[in-house]
Amino acid sequence: MAHPAQVRLVEQQREYAAFLMIAKQNREFASFLQQYGHQFNVLDQGSASVAQVVEHWQTVFRITHLALASLVEKQVPTSAEDDTPIVPPGSMPDRLVRIPAAAANRDDGDA
């Protein structure tokens, strides 16, 4: 039969081994949560960008509609036999640019 001190020592060694395993799992879990927090921040920033783009779709469609409507007004028929109208060169702008008023006001104040 084992001595009571030896039995107690074996039990404490088992408890210490279990404690070390829990401490290791705790560190791994903390590392996982830090990585998850970083990924959540990236996702949050991305969703904010997407929300901003979606918020401005109506404006984009309105600008596109205005540009297309102005092109329809500028179309001229190619010939009497051909009903296909063309847009004269120089009728369409090279770029459509939108500068937010707040950014433009900030730049004017700095100059």
PDB file of N, CA and C in Angstrom:
ATOM      1  N   MET A   1       0.837  -1.177   0.000  1.00  0.00           N
ATOM      2  CA  MET A   1       0.000   0.000   0.000  1.00  0.00           C
ATOM      3  C   MET A   1       0.890   1.251   0.000  1.00  0.00           C
ATOM      4  N   ALA A   2       0.440   2.297  -0.788  1.00  0.00           N
ATOM      5  CA  ALA A   2       1.229   3.506  -0.932  1.00  0.00           C
ATOM      6  C   ALA A   2       1.121   4.363   0.309  1.00  0.00           C
ATOM      7  N   HIS A   3       2.150   5.061   0.512  1.00  0.00           N
ATOM      8  CA  HIS A   3       2.211   5.951   1.660  1.00  0.00           C
ATOM      9  C   HIS A   3       1.287   7.149   1.399  1.00  0.00           C
ATOM     10  N   PRO A   4       0.562   7.658   2.417  1.00  0.00           N
ATOM     11  CA  PRO A   4      -0.361   8.776   2.216  1.00  0.00           C
ATOM     12  C   PRO A   4       0.331  10.018   1.630  1.00  0.00           C
ATOM     13  N   ALA A   5       1.586  10.260   1.954  1.00  0.00           N
ATOM     14  CA  ALA A   5       2.284  11.423   1.415  1.00  0.00           C
ATOM     15  C   ALA A   5       2.510  11.259  -0.085  1.00  0.00           C
ATOM     16  N   GLN A   6       2.799  10.030  -0.519  1.00  0.00           N
ATOM     17  CA  GLN A   6       2.991   9.768  -1.947  1.00  0.00           C
ATOM     18  C   GLN A   6       1.684   9.937  -2.714  1.00  0.00           C
ATOM     19  N   VAL A   7       0.590   9.466  -2.137  1.00  0.00           N
ATOM     20  CA  VAL A   7      -0.727   9.604  -2.771  1.00  0.00           C
ATOM     21  C   VAL A   7      -1.062  11.092  -2.906  1.00  0.00           C
ATOM     22  N   ARG A   8      -0.801  11.843  -1.853  1.00  0.00           N
ATOM     23  CA  ARG A   8      -1.088  13.285  -1.895  1.00  0.00           C
ATOM     24  C   ARG A   8      -0.207  13.982  -2.942  1.00  0.00           C
ATOM     25  N   LEU A   9       1.069  13.584  -3.037  1.00  0.00           N
ATOM     26  CA  LEU A   9       1.985  14.161  -4.025  1.00  0.00           C
ATOM     27  C   LEU A   9       1.503  13.878  -5.449  1.00  0.00           C
ATOM     28  N   VAL A  10       1.036  12.673  -5.716  1.00  0.00           N
ATOM     29  CA  VAL A  10       0.533  12.311  -7.045  1.00  0.00           C
ATOM     30  C   VAL A  10      -0.718  13.124  -7.382  1.00  0.00           C
ATOM     31  N   GLU A  11      -1.604  13.308  -6.413  1.00  0.00           N
ATOM     32  CA  GLU A  11      -2.811  14.108  -6.633  1.00  0.00           C
ATOM     33  C   GLU A  11      -2.453  15.566  -6.927  1.00  0.00           C
ATOM     34  N   GLN A  12      -1.488  16.106  -6.192  1.00  0.00           N
ATOM     35  CA  GLN A  12      -1.085  17.492  -6.431  1.00  0.00           C
ATOM     36  C   GLN A  12      -0.403  17.643  -7.789  1.00  0.00           C
ATOM     37  N   GLN A  13       0.356  16.636  -8.214  1.00  0.00           N
ATOM     38  CA  GLN A  13       0.967  16.679  -9.537  1.00  0.00           C
ATOM     39  C   GLN A  13      -0.102  16.670 -10.625  1.00  0.00           C
ATOM     40  N   ARG A  14      -1.145  15.872 -10.430  1.00  0.00           N
ATOM     41  CA  ARG A  14      -2.261  15.844 -11.394  1.00  0.00           C
ATOM     42  C   ARG A  14      -2.968  17.203 -11.427  1.00  0.00           C
ATOM     43  N   GLU A  15      -3.199  17.792 -10.266  1.00  0.00           N
ATOM     44  CA  GLU A  15      -3.832  19.101 -10.215  1.00  0.00           C
ATOM     45  C   GLU A  15      -2.960  20.151 -10.905  1.00  0.00           C
ATOM     46  N   TYR A  16      -1.635  20.078 -10.674  1.00  0.00           N
ATOM     47  CA  TYR A  16      -0.721  21.032 -11.297  1.00  0.00           C
ATOM     48  C   TYR A  16      -0.720  20.844 -12.810  1.00  0.00           C
ATOM     49  N   ALA A  17      -0.731  19.635 -13.303  1.00  0.00           N
ATOM     50  CA  ALA A  17      -0.770  19.366 -14.749  1.00  0.00           C
ATOM     51  C   ALA A  17      -2.076  19.905 -15.339  1.00  0.00           C
ATOM     52  N   ALA A  18      -3.188  19.712 -14.637  1.00  0.00           N
ATOM     53  CA  ALA A  18      -4.475  20.240 -15.103  1.00  0.00           C
ATOM     54  C   ALA A  18      -4.453  21.765 -15.101  1.00  0.00           C
ATOM     55  N   PHE A  19      -3.844  22.345 -14.068  1.00  0.00           N
ATOM     56  CA  PHE A  19      -3.730  23.805 -13.998  1.00  0.00           C
ATOM     57  C   PHE A  19      -2.906  24.336 -15.171  1.00  0.00           C
ATOM     58  N   LEU A  20      -1.783  23.689 -15.493  1.00  0.00           N
ATOM     59  CA  LEU A  20      -0.957  24.116 -16.622  1.00  0.00           C
ATOM     60  C   LEU A  20      -1.735  24.024 -17.938  1.00  0.00           C
ATOM     61  N   MET A  21      -2.539  22.974 -18.104  1.00  0.00           N
ATOM     62  CA  MET A  21      -3.334  22.823 -19.325  1.00  0.00           C
ATOM     63  C   MET A  21      -4.386  23.939 -19.416  1.00  0.00           C
ATOM     64  N   ILE A  22      -5.021  24.266 -18.309  1.00  0.00           N
ATOM     65  CA  ILE A  22      -6.016  25.339 -18.305  1.00  0.00           C
ATOM     66  C   ILE A  22      -5.339  26.676 -18.596  1.00  0.00           C
ATOM     67  N   ALA A  23      -4.159  26.913 -18.021  1.00  0.00           N
ATOM     68  CA  ALA A  23      -3.441  28.164 -18.264  1.00  0.00           C
ATOM     69  C   ALA A  23      -3.061  28.273 -19.747  1.00  0.00           C
ATOM     70  N   LYS A  24      -2.618  27.170 -20.343  1.00  0.00           N
ATOM     71  CA  LYS A  24      -2.267  27.166 -21.768  1.00  0.00           C
ATOM     72  C   LYS A  24      -3.496  27.458 -22.621  1.00  0.00           C
ATOM     73  N   GLN A  25      -4.613  26.806 -22.319  1.00  0.00           N
ATOM     74  CA  GLN A  25      -5.857  27.052 -23.068  1.00  0.00           C
ATOM     75  C   GLN A  25      -6.320  28.496 -22.889  1.00  0.00           C
ATOM     76  N   ASN A  26      -6.128  29.048 -21.703  1.00  0.00           N
ATOM     77  CA  ASN A  26      -6.495  30.432 -21.438  1.00  0.00           C
ATOM     78  C   ASN A  26      -5.679  31.381 -22.319  1.00  0.00           C
ATOM     79  N   ARG A  27      -4.354  31.152 -22.423  1.00  0.00           N
ATOM     80  CA  ARG A  27      -3.509  31.980 -23.288  1.00  0.00           C
ATOM     81  C   ARG A  27      -3.932  31.853 -24.750  1.00  0.00           C
ATOM     82  N   GLU A  28      -4.217  30.629 -25.192  1.00  0.00           N
ATOM     83  CA  GLU A  28      -4.657  30.417 -26.576  1.00  0.00           C
ATOM     84  C   GLU A  28      -5.982  31.123 -26.840  1.00  0.00           C
ATOM     85  N   PHE A  29      -6.892  31.073 -25.875  1.00  0.00           N
ATOM     86  CA  PHE A  29      -8.189  31.721 -26.029  1.00  0.00           C
ATOM     87  C   PHE A  29      -8.023  33.244 -26.083  1.00  0.00           C
ATOM     88  N   ALA A  30      -7.136  33.787 -25.233  1.00  0.00           N
ATOM     89  CA  ALA A  30      -6.881  35.230 -25.246  1.00  0.00           C
ATOM     90  C   ALA A  30      -6.284  35.650 -26.591  1.00  0.00           C
ATOM     91  N   SER A  31      -5.380  34.848 -27.133  1.00  0.00           N
ATOM     92  CA  SER A  31      -4.795  35.142 -28.443  1.00  0.00           C
ATOM     93  C   SER A  31      -5.868  35.096 -29.528  1.00  0.00           C
ATOM     94  N   PHE A  32      -6.749  34.100 -29.460  1.00  0.00           N
ATOM     95  CA  PHE A  32      -7.846  33.998 -30.423  1.00  0.00           C
ATOM     96  C   PHE A  32      -8.740  35.232 -30.358  1.00  0.00           C
ATOM     97  N   LEU A  33      -9.066  35.681 -29.153  1.00  0.00           N
ATOM     98  CA  LEU A  33      -9.930  36.849 -29.008  1.00  0.00           C
ATOM     99  C   LEU A  33      -9.255  38.112 -29.543  1.00  0.00           C
ATOM    100  N   GLN A  34      -7.941  38.240 -29.364  1.00  0.00           N
ATOM    101  CA  GLN A  34      -7.237  39.397 -29.915  1.00  0.00           C
ATOM    102  C   GLN A  34      -7.281  39.375 -31.440  1.00  0.00           C
ATOM    103  N   GLN A  35      -7.056  38.208 -32.043  1.00  0.00           N
ATOM    104  CA  GLN A  35      -7.119  38.090 -33.500  1.00  0.00           C
ATOM    105  C   GLN A  35      -8.540  38.371 -33.991  1.00  0.00           C
ATOM    106  N   TYR A  36      -9.524  37.857 -33.277  1.00  0.00           N
ATOM    107  CA  TYR A  36     -10.918  38.086 -33.643  1.00  0.00           C
ATOM    108  C   TYR A  36     -11.256  39.580 -33.556  1.00  0.00           C
ATOM    109  N   GLY A  37     -10.759  40.230 -32.502  1.00  0.00           N
ATOM    110  CA  GLY A  37     -10.993  41.669 -32.353  1.00  0.00           C
ATOM    111  C   GLY A  37     -10.385  42.450 -33.501  1.00  0.00           C
ATOM    112  N   HIS A  38      -9.186  42.072 -33.924  1.00  0.00           N
ATOM    113  CA  HIS A  38      -8.545  42.740 -35.067  1.00  0.00           C
ATOM    114  C   HIS A  38      -9.361  42.521 -36.340  1.00  0.00           C
ATOM    115  N   GLN A  39      -9.788  41.285 -36.574  1.00  0.00           N
ATOM    116  CA  GLN A  39     -10.589  40.991 -37.766  1.00  0.00           C
ATOM    117  C   GLN A  39     -11.929  41.720 -37.706  1.00  0.00           C
ATOM    118  N   PHE A  40     -12.499  41.851 -36.534  1.00  0.00           N
ATOM    119  CA  PHE A  40     -13.761  42.572 -36.390  1.00  0.00           C
ATOM    120  C   PHE A  40     -13.571  44.041 -36.734  1.00  0.00           C
ATOM    121  N   ASN A  41     -12.448  44.631 -36.299  1.00  0.00           N
ATOM    122  CA  ASN A  41     -12.177  46.033 -36.631  1.00  0.00           C
ATOM    123  C   ASN A  41     -12.041  46.218 -38.131  1.00  0.00           C
ATOM    124  N   VAL A  42     -11.350  45.296 -38.798  1.00  0.00           N
ATOM    125  CA  VAL A  42     -11.206  45.361 -40.252  1.00  0.00           C
ATOM    126  C   VAL A  42     -12.577  45.248 -40.908  1.00  0.00           C
ATOM    127  N   LEU A  43     -13.381  44.320 -40.440  1.00  0.00           N
ATOM    128  CA  LEU A  43     -14.729  44.134 -40.984  1.00  0.00           C
ATOM    129  C   LEU A  43     -15.586  45.361 -40.746  1.00  0.00           C
ATOM    130  N   ASP A  44     -15.465  45.952 -39.568  1.00  0.00           N
ATOM    131  CA  ASP A  44     -16.247  47.143 -39.248  1.00  0.00           C
ATOM    132  C   ASP A  44     -15.870  48.301 -40.171  1.00  0.00           C
ATOM    133  N   GLN A  45     -14.573  48.487 -40.409  1.00  0.00           N
ATOM    134  CA  GLN A  45     -14.129  49.551 -41.309  1.00  0.00           C
ATOM    135  C   GLN A  45     -14.621  49.287 -42.729  1.00  0.00           C
ATOM    136  N   GLY A  46     -14.559  48.027 -43.162  1.00  0.00           N
ATOM    137  CA  GLY A  46     -15.029  47.693 -44.508  1.00  0.00           C
ATOM    138  C   GLY A  46     -16.519  47.910 -44.666  1.00  0.00           C
ATOM    139  N   SER A  47     -17.287  47.536 -43.645  1.00  0.00           N
ATOM    140  CA  SER A  47     -18.735  47.717 -43.755  1.00  0.00           C
ATOM    141  C   SER A  47     -19.107  49.198 -43.729  1.00  0.00           C
ATOM    142  N   ALA A  48     -18.332  50.003 -43.024  1.00  0.00           N
ATOM    143  CA  ALA A  48     -18.590  51.448 -43.037  1.00  0.00           C
ATOM    144  C   ALA A  48     -18.343  52.013 -44.434  1.00  0.00           C
ATOM    145  N   SER A  49     -17.306  51.532 -45.099  1.00  0.00           N
ATOM    146  CA  SER A  49     -17.031  51.985 -46.471  1.00  0.00           C
ATOM    147  C   SER A  49     -18.140  51.564 -47.416  1.00  0.00           C
ATOM    148  N   VAL A  50     -18.587  50.319 -47.282  1.00  0.00           N
ATOM    149  CA  VAL A  50     -19.678  49.826 -48.134  1.00  0.00           C
ATOM    150  C   VAL A  50     -20.945  50.631 -47.870  1.00  0.00           C
ATOM    151  N   ALA A  51     -21.226  50.913 -46.621  1.00  0.00           N
ATOM    152  CA  ALA A  51     -22.425  51.692 -46.293  1.00  0.00           C
ATOM    153  C   ALA A  51     -22.354  53.080 -46.912  1.00  0.00           C
ATOM    154  N   GLN A  52     -21.179  53.678 -46.916  1.00  0.00           N
ATOM    155  CA  GLN A  52     -21.023  55.004 -47.514  1.00  0.00           C
ATOM    156  C   GLN A  52     -21.257  54.948 -49.019  1.00  0.00           C
ATOM    157  N   VAL A  53     -20.747  53.912 -49.667  1.00  0.00           N
ATOM    158  CA  VAL A  53     -20.954  53.767 -51.114  1.00  0.00           C
ATOM    159  C   VAL A  53     -22.433  53.559 -51.424  1.00  0.00           C
ATOM    160  N   VAL A  54     -23.074  52.674 -50.683  1.00  0.00           N
ATOM    161  CA  VAL A  54     -24.497  52.394 -50.919  1.00  0.00           C
ATOM    162  C   VAL A  54     -25.333  53.639 -50.666  1.00  0.00           C
ATOM    163  N   GLU A  55     -24.932  54.429 -49.694  1.00  0.00           N
ATOM    164  CA  GLU A  55     -25.665  55.660 -49.373  1.00  0.00           C
ATOM    165  C   GLU A  55     -25.660  56.628 -50.560  1.00  0.00           C
ATOM    166  N   HIS A  56     -24.606  56.592 -51.359  1.00  0.00           N
ATOM    167  CA  HIS A  56     -24.485  57.542 -52.465  1.00  0.00           C
ATOM    168  C   HIS A  56     -24.926  56.978 -53.817  1.00  0.00           C
ATOM    169  N   TRP A  57     -25.460  55.762 -53.860  1.00  0.00           N
ATOM    170  CA  TRP A  57     -25.880  55.190 -55.148  1.00  0.00           C
ATOM    171  C   TRP A  57     -26.944  56.037 -55.826  1.00  0.00           C
ATOM    172  N   GLN A  58     -27.877  56.560 -55.067  1.00  0.00           N
ATOM    173  CA  GLN A  58     -28.939  57.370 -55.658  1.00  0.00           C
ATOM    174  C   GLN A  58     -28.341  58.577 -56.387  1.00  0.00           C
ATOM    175  N   THR A  59     -27.340  59.187 -55.782  1.00  0.00           N
ATOM    176  CA  THR A  59     -26.682  60.322 -56.421  1.00  0.00           C
ATOM    177  C   THR A  59     -25.957  59.888 -57.688  1.00  0.00           C
ATOM    178  N   VAL A  60     -25.309  58.737 -57.647  1.00  0.00           N
ATOM    179  CA  VAL A  60     -24.606  58.226 -58.821  1.00  0.00           C
ATOM    180  C   VAL A  60     -25.592  57.984 -59.959  1.00  0.00           C
ATOM    181  N   PHE A  61     -26.715  57.365 -59.656  1.00  0.00           N
ATOM    182  CA  PHE A  61     -27.722  57.111 -60.691  1.00  0.00           C
ATOM    183  C   PHE A  61     -28.289  58.432 -61.240  1.00  0.00           C
ATOM    184  N   ARG A  62     -28.496  59.404 -60.378  1.00  0.00           N
ATOM    185  CA  ARG A  62     -29.023  60.691 -60.828  1.00  0.00           C
ATOM    186  C   ARG A  62     -28.027  61.372 -61.777  1.00  0.00           C
ATOM    187  N   ILE A  63     -26.757  61.353 -61.422  1.00  0.00           N
ATOM    188  CA  ILE A  63     -25.727  61.959 -62.275  1.00  0.00           C
ATOM    189  C   ILE A  63     -25.651  61.234 -63.607  1.00  0.00           C
ATOM    190  N   THR A  64     -25.703  59.909 -63.578  1.00  0.00           N
ATOM    191  CA  THR A  64     -25.667  59.123 -64.813  1.00  0.00           C
ATOM    192  C   THR A  64     -26.870  59.442 -65.679  1.00  0.00           C
ATOM    193  N   HIS A  65     -28.029  59.552 -65.065  1.00  0.00           N
ATOM    194  CA  HIS A  65     -29.247  59.876 -65.811  1.00  0.00           C
ATOM    195  C   HIS A  65     -29.124  61.260 -66.466  1.00  0.00           C
ATOM    196  N   LEU A  66     -28.605  62.232 -65.724  1.00  0.00           N
ATOM    197  CA  LEU A  66     -28.439  63.575 -66.288  1.00  0.00           C
ATOM    198  C   LEU A  66     -27.456  63.558 -67.461  1.00  0.00           C
ATOM    199  N   ALA A  67     -26.370  62.817 -67.318  1.00  0.00           N
ATOM    200  CA  ALA A  67     -25.387  62.740 -68.401  1.00  0.00           C
ATOM    201  C   ALA A  67     -25.991  62.077 -69.631  1.00  0.00           C
ATOM    202  N   LEU A  68     -26.726  60.988 -69.429  1.00  0.00           N
ATOM    203  CA  LEU A  68     -27.348  60.301 -70.572  1.00  0.00           C
ATOM    204  C   LEU A  68     -28.429  61.167 -71.214  1.00  0.00           C
ATOM    205  N   ALA A  69     -29.197  61.893 -70.402  1.00  0.00           N
ATOM    206  CA  ALA A  69     -30.247  62.754 -70.949  1.00  0.00           C
ATOM    207  C   ALA A  69     -29.630  63.876 -71.779  1.00  0.00           C
ATOM    208  N   SER A  70     -28.503  64.425 -71.336  1.00  0.00           N
ATOM    209  CA  SER A  70     -27.872  65.486 -72.121  1.00  0.00           C
ATOM    210  C   SER A  70     -27.307  64.931 -73.424  1.00  0.00           C
ATOM    211  N   LEU A  71     -26.878  63.671 -73.422  1.00  0.00           N
ATOM    212  CA  LEU A  71     -26.374  63.063 -74.655  1.00  0.00           C
ATOM    213  C   LEU A  71     -27.492  62.842 -75.658  1.00  0.00           C
ATOM    214  N   VAL A  72     -28.671  62.473 -75.172  1.00  0.00           N
ATOM    215  CA  VAL A  72     -29.806  62.251 -76.075  1.00  0.00           C
ATOM    216  C   VAL A  72     -30.166  63.547 -76.788  1.00  0.00           C
ATOM    217  N   GLU A  73     -30.083  64.660 -76.068  1.00  0.00           N
ATOM    218  CA  GLU A  73     -30.398  65.954 -76.679  1.00  0.00           C
ATOM    219  C   GLU A  73     -29.379  66.346 -77.747  1.00  0.00           C
ATOM    220  N   LYS A  74     -28.141  65.891 -77.597  1.00  0.00           N
ATOM    221  CA  LYS A  74     -27.076  66.280 -78.522  1.00  0.00           C
ATOM    222  C   LYS A  74     -26.945  65.351 -79.733  1.00  0.00           C
ATOM    223  N   GLN A  75     -27.701  64.261 -79.759  1.00  0.00           N
ATOM    224  CA  GLN A  75     -27.577  63.312 -80.867  1.00  0.00           C
ATOM    225  C   GLN A  75     -28.108  63.919 -82.166  1.00  0.00           C
ATOM    226  N   VAL A  76     -27.402  63.621 -83.235  1.00  0.00           N
ATOM    227  CA  VAL A  76     -27.844  64.091 -84.559  1.00  0.00           C
ATOM    228  C   VAL A  76     -27.920  62.884 -85.485  1.00  0.00           C
ATOM    229  N   PRO A  77     -28.879  62.870 -86.424  1.00  0.00           N
ATOM    230  CA  PRO A  77     -28.952  61.731 -87.350  1.00  0.00           C
ATOM    231  C   PRO A  77     -27.748  61.733 -88.288  1.00  0.00           C
ATOM    232  N   THR A  78     -27.295  60.544 -88.649  1.00  0.00           N
ATOM    233  CA  THR A  78     -26.124  60.432 -89.524  1.00  0.00           C
ATOM    234  C   THR A  78     -26.478  60.762 -90.968  1.00  0.00           C
ATOM    235  N   SER A  79     -27.648  60.299 -91.408  1.00  0.00           N
ATOM    236  CA  SER A  79     -28.081  60.603 -92.775  1.00  0.00           C
ATOM    237  C   SER A  79     -29.585  60.397 -92.862  1.00  0.00           C
ATOM    238  N   ALA A  80     -30.160  60.723 -94.001  1.00  0.00           N
ATOM    239  CA  ALA A  80     -31.613  60.580 -94.174  1.00  0.00           C
ATOM    240  C   ALA A  80     -32.023  59.120 -94.168  1.00  0.00           C
ATOM    241  N   GLU A  81     -31.176  58.248 -94.753  1.00  0.00           N
ATOM    242  CA  GLU A  81     -31.554  56.819 -94.798  1.00  0.00           C
ATOM    243  C   GLU A  81     -31.299  56.122 -93.465  1.00  0.00           C
ATOM    244  N   ASP A  82     -30.300  56.579 -92.769  1.00  0.00           N
ATOM    245  CA  ASP A  82     -29.898  55.912 -91.525  1.00  0.00           C
ATOM    246  C   ASP A  82     -30.565  56.612 -90.352  1.00  0.00           C
ATOM    247  N   ASP A  83     -31.348  55.857 -89.600  1.00  0.00           N
ATOM    248  CA  ASP A  83     -32.054  56.432 -88.442  1.00  0.00           C
ATOM    249  C   ASP A  83     -31.205  56.412 -87.171  1.00  0.00           C
ATOM    250  N   THR A  84     -30.015  55.836 -87.233  1.00  0.00           N
ATOM    251  CA  THR A  84     -29.189  55.727 -86.040  1.00  0.00           C
ATOM    252  C   THR A  84     -28.496  57.052 -85.769  1.00  0.00           C
ATOM    253  N   PRO A  85     -28.865  57.732 -84.680  1.00  0.00           N
ATOM    254  CA  PRO A  85     -28.208  59.009 -84.381  1.00  0.00           C
ATOM    255  C   PRO A  85     -26.833  58.760 -83.754  1.00  0.00           C
ATOM    256  N   ILE A  86     -25.950  59.721 -83.926  1.00  0.00           N
ATOM    257  CA  ILE A  86     -24.636  59.642 -83.293  1.00  0.00           C
ATOM    258  C   ILE A  86     -24.442  60.862 -82.406  1.00  0.00           C
ATOM    259  N   VAL A  87     -23.519  60.723 -81.469  1.00  0.00           N
ATOM    260  CA  VAL A  87     -23.188  61.837 -80.592  1.00  0.00           C
ATOM    261  C   VAL A  87     -21.971  62.524 -81.204  1.00  0.00           C
ATOM    262  N   PRO A  88     -22.078  63.817 -81.485  1.00  0.00           N
ATOM    263  CA  PRO A  88     -20.943  64.526 -82.078  1.00  0.00           C
ATOM    264  C   PRO A  88     -19.724  64.494 -81.155  1.00  0.00           C
ATOM    265  N   PRO A  89     -18.517  64.466 -81.732  1.00  0.00           N
ATOM    266  CA  PRO A  89     -17.309  64.477 -80.888  1.00  0.00           C
ATOM    267  C   PRO A  89     -17.265  65.734 -80.019  1.00  0.00           C
ATOM    268  N   GLY A  90     -16.778  65.572 -78.806  1.00  0.00           N
ATOM    269  CA  GLY A  90     -16.682  66.699 -77.878  1.00  0.00           C
ATOM    270  C   GLY A  90     -17.957  66.936 -77.091  1.00  0.00           C
ATOM    271  N   SER A  91     -19.009  66.162 -77.355  1.00  0.00           N
ATOM    272  CA  SER A  91     -20.265  66.350 -76.632  1.00  0.00           C
ATOM    273  C   SER A  91     -20.217  65.740 -75.244  1.00  0.00           C
ATOM    274  N   MET A  92     -19.418  64.709 -75.091  1.00  0.00           N
ATOM    275  CA  MET A  92     -19.370  64.007 -73.811  1.00  0.00           C
ATOM    276  C   MET A  92     -18.110  64.409 -73.055  1.00  0.00           C
ATOM    277  N   PRO A  93     -18.257  64.768 -71.793  1.00  0.00           N
ATOM    278  CA  PRO A  93     -17.064  65.152 -71.030  1.00  0.00           C
ATOM    279  C   PRO A  93     -16.143  63.953 -70.830  1.00  0.00           C
ATOM    280  N   ASP A  94     -14.849  64.227 -70.693  1.00  0.00           N
ATOM    281  CA  ASP A  94     -13.887  63.151 -70.453  1.00  0.00           C
ATOM    282  C   ASP A  94     -14.102  62.509 -69.091  1.00  0.00           C
ATOM    283  N   ARG A  95     -14.462  63.330 -68.114  1.00  0.00           N
ATOM    284  CA  ARG A  95     -14.657  62.826 -66.757  1.00  0.00           C
ATOM    285  C   ARG A  95     -15.830  63.530 -66.102  1.00  0.00           C
ATOM    286  N   LEU A  96     -16.476  62.796 -65.204  1.00  0.00           N
ATOM    287  CA  LEU A  96     -17.466  63.403 -64.313  1.00  0.00           C
ATOM    288  C   LEU A  96     -16.839  63.391 -62.926  1.00  0.00           C
ATOM    289  N   VAL A  97     -16.646  64.549 -62.333  1.00  0.00           N
ATOM    290  CA  VAL A  97     -15.976  64.648 -61.051  1.00  0.00           C
ATOM    291  C   VAL A  97     -16.916  65.295 -60.055  1.00  0.00           C
ATOM    292  N   ARG A  98     -16.916  64.739 -58.864  1.00  0.00           N
ATOM    293  CA  ARG A  98     -17.742  65.302 -57.800  1.00  0.00           C
ATOM    294  C   ARG A  98     -16.823  65.605 -56.632  1.00  0.00           C
ATOM    295  N   ILE A  99     -16.759  66.867 -56.224  1.00  0.00           N
ATOM    296  CA  ILE A  99     -15.937  67.277 -55.095  1.00  0.00           C
ATOM    297  C   ILE A  99     -16.882  67.678 -53.968  1.00  0.00           C
ATOM    298  N   PRO A 100     -16.789  67.004 -52.811  1.00  0.00           N
ATOM    299  CA  PRO A 100     -17.667  67.366 -51.696  1.00  0.00           C
ATOM    300  C   PRO A 100     -17.455  68.823 -51.287  1.00  0.00           C
ATOM    301  N   ALA A 101     -18.537  69.504 -50.948  1.00  0.00           N
ATOM    302  CA  ALA A 101     -18.467  70.925 -50.594  1.00  0.00           C
ATOM    303  C   ALA A 101     -17.618  71.135 -49.355  1.00  0.00           C
ATOM    304  N   ALA A 102     -17.696  70.258 -48.384  1.00  0.00           N
ATOM    305  CA  ALA A 102     -16.910  70.413 -47.151  1.00  0.00           C
ATOM    306  C   ALA A 102     -15.430  70.351 -47.457  1.00  0.00           C
ATOM    307  N   ALA A 103     -15.007  69.431 -48.304  1.00  0.00           N
ATOM    308  CA  ALA A 103     -13.582  69.310 -48.658  1.00  0.00           C
ATOM    309  C   ALA A 103     -13.143  70.547 -49.445  1.00  0.00           C
ATOM    310  N   ALA A 104     -13.962  71.048 -50.322  1.00  0.00           N
ATOM    311  CA  ALA A 104     -13.610  72.224 -51.114  1.00  0.00           C
ATOM    312  C   ALA A 104     -13.464  73.452 -50.209  1.00  0.00           C
ATOM    313  N   ASN A 105     -14.333  73.578 -49.217  1.00  0.00           N
ATOM    314  CA  ASN A 105     -14.254  74.711 -48.298  1.00  0.00           C
ATOM    315  C   ASN A 105     -13.006  74.645 -47.439  1.00  0.00           C
ATOM    316  N   ARG A 106     -12.606  73.435 -47.018  1.00  0.00           N
ATOM    317  CA  ARG A 106     -11.401  73.279 -46.223  1.00  0.00           C
ATOM    318  C   ARG A 106     -10.179  73.662 -47.035  1.00  0.00           C
ATOM    319  N   ASP A 107     -10.137  73.260 -48.304  1.00  0.00           N
ATOM    320  CA  ASP A 107      -8.990  73.579 -49.154  1.00  0.00           C
ATOM    321  C   ASP A 107      -8.905  75.074 -49.411  1.00  0.00           C
ATOM    322  N   ASP A 108     -10.030  75.762 -49.571  1.00  0.00           N
ATOM    323  CA  ASP A 108     -10.030  77.197 -49.809  1.00  0.00           C
ATOM    324  C   ASP A 108      -9.500  77.956 -48.604  1.00  0.00           C
ATOM    325  N   GLY A 109      -9.794  77.473 -47.402  1.00  0.00           N
ATOM    326  CA  GLY A 109      -9.360  78.135 -46.186  1.00  0.00           C
ATOM    327  C   GLY A 109      -7.872  77.999 -45.957  1.00  0.00           C
ATOM    328  N   ASP A 110      -7.267  76.917 -46.444  1.00  0.00           N
ATOM    329  CA  ASP A 110      -5.845  76.695 -46.252  1.00  0.00           C
ATOM    330  C   ASP A 110      -5.002  77.530 -47.198  1.00  0.00           C
ATOM    331  N   ALA A 111      -5.572  77.925 -48.351  1.00  0.00           N
ATOM    332  CA  ALA A 111      -4.784  78.622 -49.372  1.00  0.00           C
ATOM    333  C   ALA A 111      -4.545  80.062 -49.038  1.00  0.00           C
TER     334      ALA A 111
END
